Amino acid sequence: VHLTQKGIEHQKLVEEKFVEFETEFFSNLTETEKLIL
């Protein structure tokens, strides 16, 4: 299995959505609580 150009270019978009999700889902935790988790 190998990445196409679209697959390579999508990395930045996936990273953005990943960070958005993490920020939203864990928004009520402190940085310390996230490390403990």
All heavy atoms as atom14 arrays in JSON, in Angstrom:
{
  "sequence": "VHLTQKGIEHQKLVEEKFVEFETEFFSNLTETEKLIL",
  "atom14_mask": [
    [1, 1, 1, 1, 1, 1, 1, 0, 0, 0, 0, 0, 0, 0],
    [1, 1, 1, 1, 1, 1, 1, 1, 1, 1, 0, 0, 0, 0],
    [1, 1, 1, 1, 1, 1, 1, 1, 0, 0, 0, 0, 0, 0],
    [1, 1, 1, 1, 1, 1, 1, 0, 0, 0, 0, 0, 0, 0],
    [1, 1, 1, 1, 1, 1, 1, 1, 1, 0, 0, 0, 0, 0],
    [1, 1, 1, 1, 1, 1, 1, 1, 1, 0, 0, 0, 0, 0],
    [1, 1, 1, 1, 0, 0, 0, 0, 0, 0, 0, 0, 0, 0],
    [1, 1, 1, 1, 1, 1, 1, 1, 0, 0, 0, 0, 0, 0],
    [1, 1, 1, 1, 1, 1, 1, 1, 1, 0, 0, 0, 0, 0],
    [1, 1, 1, 1, 1, 1, 1, 1, 1, 1, 0, 0, 0, 0],
    [1, 1, 1, 1, 1, 1, 1, 1, 1, 0, 0, 0, 0, 0],
    [1, 1, 1, 1, 1, 1, 1, 1, 1, 0, 0, 0, 0, 0],
    [1, 1, 1, 1, 1, 1, 1, 1, 0, 0, 0, 0, 0, 0],
    [1, 1, 1, 1, 1, 1, 1, 0, 0, 0, 0, 0, 0, 0],
    [1, 1, 1, 1, 1, 1, 1, 1, 1, 0, 0, 0, 0, 0],
    [1, 1, 1, 1, 1, 1, 1, 1, 1, 0, 0, 0, 0, 0],
    [1, 1, 1, 1, 1, 1, 1, 1, 1, 0, 0, 0, 0, 0],
    [1, 1, 1, 1, 1, 1, 1, 1, 1, 1, 1, 0, 0, 0],
    [1, 1, 1, 1, 1, 1, 1, 0, 0, 0, 0, 0, 0, 0],
    [1, 1, 1, 1, 1, 1, 1, 1, 1, 0, 0, 0, 0, 0],
    [1, 1, 1, 1, 1, 1, 1, 1, 1, 1, 1, 0, 0, 0],
    [1, 1, 1, 1, 1, 1, 1, 1, 1, 0, 0, 0, 0, 0],
    [1, 1, 1, 1, 1, 1, 1, 0, 0, 0, 0, 0, 0, 0],
    [1, 1, 1, 1, 1, 1, 1, 1, 1, 0, 0, 0, 0, 0],
    [1, 1, 1, 1, 1, 1, 1, 1, 1, 1, 1, 0, 0, 0],
    [1, 1, 1, 1, 1, 1, 1, 1, 1, 1, 1, 0, 0, 0],
    [1, 1, 1, 1, 1, 1, 0, 0, 0, 0, 0, 0, 0, 0],
    [1, 1, 1, 1, 1, 1, 1, 1, 0, 0, 0, 0, 0, 0],
    [1, 1, 1, 1, 1, 1, 1, 1, 0, 0, 0, 0, 0, 0],
    [1, 1, 1, 1, 1, 1, 1, 0, 0, 0, 0, 0, 0, 0],
    [1, 1, 1, 1, 1, 1, 1, 1, 1, 0, 0, 0, 0, 0],
    [1, 1, 1, 1, 1, 1, 1, 0, 0, 0, 0, 0, 0, 0],
    [1, 1, 1, 1, 1, 1, 1, 1, 1, 0, 0, 0, 0, 0],
    [1, 1, 1, 1, 1, 1, 1, 1, 1, 0, 0, 0, 0, 0],
    [1, 1, 1, 1, 1, 1, 1, 1, 0, 0, 0, 0, 0, 0],
    [1, 1, 1, 1, 1, 1, 1, 1, 0, 0, 0, 0, 0, 0],
    [1, 1, 1, 1, 1, 1, 1, 1, 0, 0, 0, 0, 0, 0]
  ],
  "atom14_positions": [
    [[0.87, -1.18, 0.0], [0.0, 0.0, 0.0], [0.9, 1.23, 0.0], [1.84, 1.31, 0.8], [-0.92, 0.01, 1.25], [-1.85, 1.21, 1.22], [-1.7, -1.29, 1.34], [0.0, 0.0, 0.0], [0.0, 0.0, 0.0], [0.0, 0.0, 0.0], [0.0, 0.0, 0.0], [0.0, 0.0, 0.0], [0.0, 0.0, 0.0], [0.0, 0.0, 0.0]],
    [[0.62, 2.16, -0.89], [1.43, 3.38, -0.93], [0.53, 4.6, -1.09], [-0.56, 4.53, -1.65], [2.51, 3.31, -2.02], [1.96, 3.17, -3.4], [1.69, 4.25, -4.2], [1.64, 2.07, -4.11], [1.21, 3.82, -5.35], [1.18, 2.52, -5.33], [0.0, 0.0, 0.0], [0.0, 0.0, 0.0], [0.0, 0.0, 0.0], [0.0, 0.0, 0.0]],
    [[1.02, 5.69, -0.57], [0.29, 6.95, -0.61], [0.27, 7.51, -2.03], [1.25, 7.42, -2.75], [0.95, 7.97, 0.32], [0.9, 7.64, 1.8], [1.95, 8.45, 2.55], [-0.5, 7.9, 2.35], [0.0, 0.0, 0.0], [0.0, 0.0, 0.0], [0.0, 0.0, 0.0], [0.0, 0.0, 0.0], [0.0, 0.0, 0.0], [0.0, 0.0, 0.0]],
    [[-0.86, 8.1, -2.39], [-0.95, 8.88, -3.61], [-0.59, 10.32, -3.25], [-0.42, 10.65, -2.07], [-2.37, 8.84, -4.19], [-3.26, 9.43, -3.23], [-2.81, 7.42, -4.53], [0.0, 0.0, 0.0], [0.0, 0.0, 0.0], [0.0, 0.0, 0.0], [0.0, 0.0, 0.0], [0.0, 0.0, 0.0], [0.0, 0.0, 0.0], [0.0, 0.0, 0.0]],
    [[-0.54, 11.17, -4.26], [-0.28, 12.59, -3.99], [-1.36, 13.16, -3.06], [-1.06, 13.91, -2.15], [-0.22, 13.37, -5.31], [0.3, 14.79, -5.15], [1.71, 14.85, -4.6], [2.57, 14.03, -4.92], [1.97, 15.81, -3.73], [0.0, 0.0, 0.0], [0.0, 0.0, 0.0], [0.0, 0.0, 0.0], [0.0, 0.0, 0.0], [0.0, 0.0, 0.0]],
    [[-2.6, 12.77, -3.29], [-3.71, 13.21, -2.43], [-3.48, 12.76, -0.99], [-3.7, 13.52, -0.05], [-5.04, 12.69, -2.96], [-6.23, 13.11, -2.13], [-7.53, 12.57, -2.71], [-8.73, 12.97, -1.87], [-10.0, 12.48, -2.45], [0.0, 0.0, 0.0], [0.0, 0.0, 0.0], [0.0, 0.0, 0.0], [0.0, 0.0, 0.0], [0.0, 0.0, 0.0]],
    [[-3.04, 11.5, -0.83], [-2.78, 10.98, 0.51], [-1.67, 11.73, 1.21], [-1.75, 12.0, 2.41], [0.0, 0.0, 0.0], [0.0, 0.0, 0.0], [0.0, 0.0, 0.0], [0.0, 0.0, 0.0], [0.0, 0.0, 0.0], [0.0, 0.0, 0.0], [0.0, 0.0, 0.0], [0.0, 0.0, 0.0], [0.0, 0.0, 0.0], [0.0, 0.0, 0.0]],
    [[-0.64, 12.09, 0.46], [0.47, 12.87, 1.02], [-0.01, 14.27, 1.4], [0.27, 14.76, 2.51], [1.65, 12.94, 0.02], [2.25, 11.55, -0.18], [2.7, 13.95, 0.47], [3.18, 11.44, -1.37], [0.0, 0.0, 0.0], [0.0, 0.0, 0.0], [0.0, 0.0, 0.0], [0.0, 0.0, 0.0], [0.0, 0.0, 0.0], [0.0, 0.0, 0.0]],
    [[-0.75, 14.9, 0.51], [-1.21, 16.27, 0.75], [-2.24, 16.35, 1.86], [-2.41, 17.4, 2.47], [-1.78, 16.84, -0.55], [-0.73, 17.07, -1.62], [-1.3, 17.41, -2.98], [-2.55, 17.42, -3.14], [-0.49, 17.67, -3.9], [0.0, 0.0, 0.0], [0.0, 0.0, 0.0], [0.0, 0.0, 0.0], [0.0, 0.0, 0.0], [0.0, 0.0, 0.0]],
    [[-2.94, 15.27, 2.14], [-3.97, 15.26, 3.18], [-3.39, 15.24, 4.6], [-4.13, 15.44, 5.56], [-4.91, 14.07, 2.97], [-6.33, 14.46, 2.74], [-6.74, 15.19, 1.66], [-7.44, 14.21, 3.48], [-8.04, 15.38, 1.74], [-8.49, 14.8, 2.84], [0.0, 0.0, 0.0], [0.0, 0.0, 0.0], [0.0, 0.0, 0.0], [0.0, 0.0, 0.0]],
    [[-2.09, 15.0, 4.74], [-1.5, 14.91, 6.07], [-1.76, 16.17, 6.89], [-2.18, 16.1, 8.04], [-0.01, 14.61, 6.0], [0.61, 14.44, 7.38], [2.06, 13.98, 7.34], [2.62, 13.72, 6.27], [2.66, 13.88, 8.5], [0.0, 0.0, 0.0], [0.0, 0.0, 0.0], [0.0, 0.0, 0.0], [0.0, 0.0, 0.0], [0.0, 0.0, 0.0]],
    [[-1.54, 17.32, 6.3], [-1.73, 18.58, 7.03], [-3.18, 18.75, 7.47], [-3.45, 19.15, 8.6], [-1.28, 19.76, 6.17], [-1.34, 21.1, 6.88], [-0.69, 22.19, 6.05], [-0.83, 23.58, 6.59], [-0.79, 23.77, 8.02], [0.0, 0.0, 0.0], [0.0, 0.0, 0.0], [0.0, 0.0, 0.0], [0.0, 0.0, 0.0], [0.0, 0.0, 0.0]],
    [[-4.1, 18.4, 6.6], [-5.53, 18.52, 6.92], [-5.92, 17.55, 8.05], [-6.66, 17.92, 8.96], [-6.35, 18.24, 5.66], [-7.82, 18.62, 5.68], [-8.02, 20.07, 6.09], [-8.43, 18.38, 4.31], [0.0, 0.0, 0.0], [0.0, 0.0, 0.0], [0.0, 0.0, 0.0], [0.0, 0.0, 0.0], [0.0, 0.0, 0.0], [0.0, 0.0, 0.0]],
    [[-5.4, 16.33, 8.0], [-5.68, 15.35, 9.06], [-5.11, 15.86, 10.38], [-5.77, 15.78, 11.42], [-5.13, 13.95, 8.7], [-5.18, 13.02, 9.91], [-5.9, 13.36, 7.53], [0.0, 0.0, 0.0], [0.0, 0.0, 0.0], [0.0, 0.0, 0.0], [0.0, 0.0, 0.0], [0.0, 0.0, 0.0], [0.0, 0.0, 0.0], [0.0, 0.0, 0.0]],
    [[-3.9, 16.39, 10.33], [-3.28, 16.94, 11.55], [-4.14, 18.05, 12.14], [-4.35, 18.1, 13.36], [-1.87, 17.45, 11.26], [-0.86, 16.35, 11.02], [0.49, 16.86, 10.54], [0.65, 18.08, 10.28], [1.41, 16.03, 10.42], [0.0, 0.0, 0.0], [0.0, 0.0, 0.0], [0.0, 0.0, 0.0], [0.0, 0.0, 0.0], [0.0, 0.0, 0.0]],
    [[-4.64, 18.94, 11.29], [-5.49, 20.03, 11.76], [-6.75, 19.5, 12.43], [-7.14, 19.96, 13.51], [-5.86, 20.96, 10.6], [-4.7, 21.79, 10.1], [-5.03, 22.54, 8.8], [-6.19, 22.49, 8.34], [-4.11, 23.17, 8.25], [0.0, 0.0, 0.0], [0.0, 0.0, 0.0], [0.0, 0.0, 0.0], [0.0, 0.0, 0.0], [0.0, 0.0, 0.0]],
    [[-7.43, 18.55, 11.8], [-8.66, 17.98, 12.36], [-8.36, 17.19, 13.63], [-9.15, 17.2, 14.58], [-9.37, 17.08, 11.33], [-9.95, 17.85, 10.17], [-11.01, 18.84, 10.63], [-11.56, 19.65, 9.49], [-12.51, 20.67, 9.95], [0.0, 0.0, 0.0], [0.0, 0.0, 0.0], [0.0, 0.0, 0.0], [0.0, 0.0, 0.0], [0.0, 0.0, 0.0]],
    [[-7.22, 16.51, 13.67], [-6.81, 15.75, 14.84], [-6.64, 16.7, 16.03], [-7.15, 16.44, 17.13], [-5.48, 15.03, 14.53], [-5.29, 13.72, 15.24], [-5.63, 12.53, 14.63], [-4.75, 13.67, 16.52], [-5.44, 11.31, 15.27], [-4.55, 12.46, 17.16], [-4.89, 11.27, 16.54], [0.0, 0.0, 0.0], [0.0, 0.0, 0.0], [0.0, 0.0, 0.0]],
    [[-5.94, 17.81, 15.8], [-5.73, 18.8, 16.87], [-7.05, 19.43, 17.29], [-7.32, 19.59, 18.48], [-4.7, 19.87, 16.42], [-4.66, 21.04, 17.39], [-3.32, 19.25, 16.27], [0.0, 0.0, 0.0], [0.0, 0.0, 0.0], [0.0, 0.0, 0.0], [0.0, 0.0, 0.0], [0.0, 0.0, 0.0], [0.0, 0.0, 0.0], [0.0, 0.0, 0.0]],
    [[-7.9, 19.76, 16.31], [-9.23, 20.31, 16.63], [-10.0, 19.35, 17.53], [-10.58, 19.75, 18.53], [-10.06, 20.52, 15.35], [-9.82, 21.79, 14.63], [-10.67, 21.87, 13.35], [-11.81, 21.33, 13.33], [-10.19, 22.47, 12.38], [0.0, 0.0, 0.0], [0.0, 0.0, 0.0], [0.0, 0.0, 0.0], [0.0, 0.0, 0.0], [0.0, 0.0, 0.0]],
    [[-9.99, 18.08, 17.15], [-10.73, 17.08, 17.92], [-10.19, 16.96, 19.34], [-10.95, 16.99, 20.3], [-10.69, 15.71, 17.22], [-11.37, 14.65, 18.03], [-12.74, 14.59, 18.09], [-10.64, 13.72, 18.77], [-13.39, 13.62, 18.85], [-11.27, 12.76, 19.53], [-12.65, 12.7, 19.57], [0.0, 0.0, 0.0], [0.0, 0.0, 0.0], [0.0, 0.0, 0.0]],
    [[-8.87, 16.83, 19.45], [-8.26, 16.71, 20.78], [-8.58, 17.93, 21.63], [-8.91, 17.8, 22.81], [-6.75, 16.54, 20.67], [-6.34, 15.14, 20.41], [-5.03, 14.75, 21.08], [-4.45, 15.55, 21.84], [-4.6, 13.62, 20.83], [0.0, 0.0, 0.0], [0.0, 0.0, 0.0], [0.0, 0.0, 0.0], [0.0, 0.0, 0.0], [0.0, 0.0, 0.0]],
    [[-8.5, 19.11, 21.04], [-8.77, 20.34, 21.78], [-10.22, 20.37, 22.27], [-10.48, 20.7, 23.42], [-8.48, 21.56, 20.88], [-7.11, 21.51, 20.46], [-8.72, 22.87, 21.62], [0.0, 0.0, 0.0], [0.0, 0.0, 0.0], [0.0, 0.0, 0.0], [0.0, 0.0, 0.0], [0.0, 0.0, 0.0], [0.0, 0.0, 0.0], [0.0, 0.0, 0.0]],
    [[-11.15, 19.99, 21.39], [-12.57, 20.0, 21.77], [-12.88, 18.91, 22.79], [-13.54, 19.17, 23.8], [-13.44, 19.79, 20.52], [-13.4, 20.95, 19.56], [-14.0, 20.6, 18.19], [-14.59, 19.5, 18.03], [-13.86, 21.43, 17.27], [0.0, 0.0, 0.0], [0.0, 0.0, 0.0], [0.0, 0.0, 0.0], [0.0, 0.0, 0.0], [0.0, 0.0, 0.0]],
    [[-12.42, 17.69, 22.53], [-12.8, 16.56, 23.37], [-12.22, 16.66, 24.77], [-12.86, 16.27, 25.74], [-12.37, 15.23, 22.71], [-13.12, 14.04, 23.23], [-14.36, 13.71, 22.71], [-12.61, 13.26, 24.24], [-15.07, 12.61, 23.18], [-13.3, 12.16, 24.73], [-14.53, 11.84, 24.2], [0.0, 0.0, 0.0], [0.0, 0.0, 0.0], [0.0, 0.0, 0.0]],
    [[-11.01, 17.18, 24.88], [-10.34, 17.24, 26.18], [-10.28, 18.66, 26.73], [-9.45, 18.96, 27.59], [-8.93, 16.64, 26.08], [-8.92, 15.19, 25.68], [-8.57, 14.81, 24.39], [-9.29, 14.21, 26.58], [-8.58, 13.47, 24.02], [-9.31, 12.88, 26.22], [-8.95, 12.5, 24.94], [0.0, 0.0, 0.0], [0.0, 0.0, 0.0], [0.0, 0.0, 0.0]],
    [[-11.17, 19.53, 26.27], [-11.11, 20.95, 26.62], [-11.28, 21.22, 28.12], [-10.79, 22.23, 28.61], [-12.17, 21.73, 25.84], [-13.47, 21.29, 26.2], [0.0, 0.0, 0.0], [0.0, 0.0, 0.0], [0.0, 0.0, 0.0], [0.0, 0.0, 0.0], [0.0, 0.0, 0.0], [0.0, 0.0, 0.0], [0.0, 0.0, 0.0], [0.0, 0.0, 0.0]],
    [[-11.94, 20.34, 28.84], [-12.15, 20.6, 30.26], [-11.06, 20.0, 31.15], [-11.17, 20.01, 32.37], [-13.53, 20.1, 30.7], [-13.68, 18.6, 30.58], [-12.97, 17.96, 29.82], [-14.64, 18.05, 31.31], [0.0, 0.0, 0.0], [0.0, 0.0, 0.0], [0.0, 0.0, 0.0], [0.0, 0.0, 0.0], [0.0, 0.0, 0.0], [0.0, 0.0, 0.0]],
    [[-9.97, 19.5, 30.54], [-8.86, 18.97, 31.31], [-7.68, 19.94, 31.29], [-7.42, 20.59, 30.29], [-8.38, 17.63, 30.71], [-9.37, 16.48, 30.69], [-8.73, 15.25, 30.05], [-9.86, 16.14, 32.09], [0.0, 0.0, 0.0], [0.0, 0.0, 0.0], [0.0, 0.0, 0.0], [0.0, 0.0, 0.0], [0.0, 0.0, 0.0], [0.0, 0.0, 0.0]],
    [[-6.98, 19.99, 32.4], [-5.75, 20.79, 32.46], [-4.64, 20.01, 31.77], [-4.78, 18.8, 31.52], [-5.33, 21.06, 33.91], [-4.97, 19.81, 34.53], [-6.44, 21.75, 34.71], [0.0, 0.0, 0.0], [0.0, 0.0, 0.0], [0.0, 0.0, 0.0], [0.0, 0.0, 0.0], [0.0, 0.0, 0.0], [0.0, 0.0, 0.0], [0.0, 0.0, 0.0]],
    [[-3.53, 20.67, 31.49], [-2.39, 19.98, 30.88], [-1.89, 18.86, 31.79], [-1.53, 17.78, 31.32], [-1.26, 20.96, 30.57], [-1.58, 21.91, 29.42], [-1.97, 21.2, 28.12], [-1.25, 20.26, 27.71], [-3.0, 21.57, 27.53], [0.0, 0.0, 0.0], [0.0, 0.0, 0.0], [0.0, 0.0, 0.0], [0.0, 0.0, 0.0], [0.0, 0.0, 0.0]],
    [[-1.9, 19.09, 33.09], [-1.48, 18.08, 34.06], [-2.42, 16.88, 34.01], [-1.97, 15.73, 34.01], [-1.43, 18.66, 35.49], [-0.53, 19.77, 35.49], [-1.01, 17.63, 36.5], [0.0, 0.0, 0.0], [0.0, 0.0, 0.0], [0.0, 0.0, 0.0], [0.0, 0.0, 0.0], [0.0, 0.0, 0.0], [0.0, 0.0, 0.0], [0.0, 0.0, 0.0]],
    [[-3.73, 17.13, 33.95], [-4.69, 16.04, 33.88], [-4.52, 15.23, 32.59], [-4.65, 14.01, 32.59], [-6.12, 16.58, 33.98], [-6.47, 17.08, 35.37], [-7.78, 17.84, 35.43], [-8.15, 18.51, 34.43], [-8.45, 17.78, 36.49], [0.0, 0.0, 0.0], [0.0, 0.0, 0.0], [0.0, 0.0, 0.0], [0.0, 0.0, 0.0], [0.0, 0.0, 0.0]],
    [[-4.21, 15.91, 31.49], [-3.97, 15.21, 30.21], [-2.75, 14.3, 30.33], [-2.78, 13.15, 29.86], [-3.77, 16.21, 29.07], [-5.03, 16.94, 28.68], [-4.73, 17.97, 27.59], [-5.88, 18.91, 27.39], [-5.57, 19.97, 26.42], [0.0, 0.0, 0.0], [0.0, 0.0, 0.0], [0.0, 0.0, 0.0], [0.0, 0.0, 0.0], [0.0, 0.0, 0.0]],
    [[-1.69, 14.78, 30.97], [-0.49, 13.95, 31.17], [-0.8, 12.74, 32.04], [-0.34, 11.63, 31.77], [0.63, 14.79, 31.77], [1.26, 15.84, 30.85], [2.22, 16.72, 31.63], [1.96, 15.18, 29.67], [0.0, 0.0, 0.0], [0.0, 0.0, 0.0], [0.0, 0.0, 0.0], [0.0, 0.0, 0.0], [0.0, 0.0, 0.0], [0.0, 0.0, 0.0]],
    [[-1.57, 12.97, 33.09], [-1.97, 11.86, 33.98], [-2.81, 10.85, 33.21], [-2.62, 9.64, 33.33], [-2.71, 12.39, 35.23], [-1.74, 13.19, 36.12], [-3.37, 11.25, 36.0], [-2.43, 13.98, 37.22], [0.0, 0.0, 0.0], [0.0, 0.0, 0.0], [0.0, 0.0, 0.0], [0.0, 0.0, 0.0], [0.0, 0.0, 0.0], [0.0, 0.0, 0.0]],
    [[-3.73, 11.34, 32.39], [-4.58, 10.47, 31.59], [-3.74, 9.61, 30.64], [-3.98, 8.4, 30.51], [-5.6, 11.3, 30.8], [-6.69, 10.56, 30.06], [-7.53, 9.71, 31.01], [-7.59, 11.55, 29.32], [0.0, 0.0, 0.0], [0.0, 0.0, 0.0], [0.0, 0.0, 0.0], [0.0, 0.0, 0.0], [0.0, 0.0, 0.0], [0.0, 0.0, 0.0]]
  ]
}
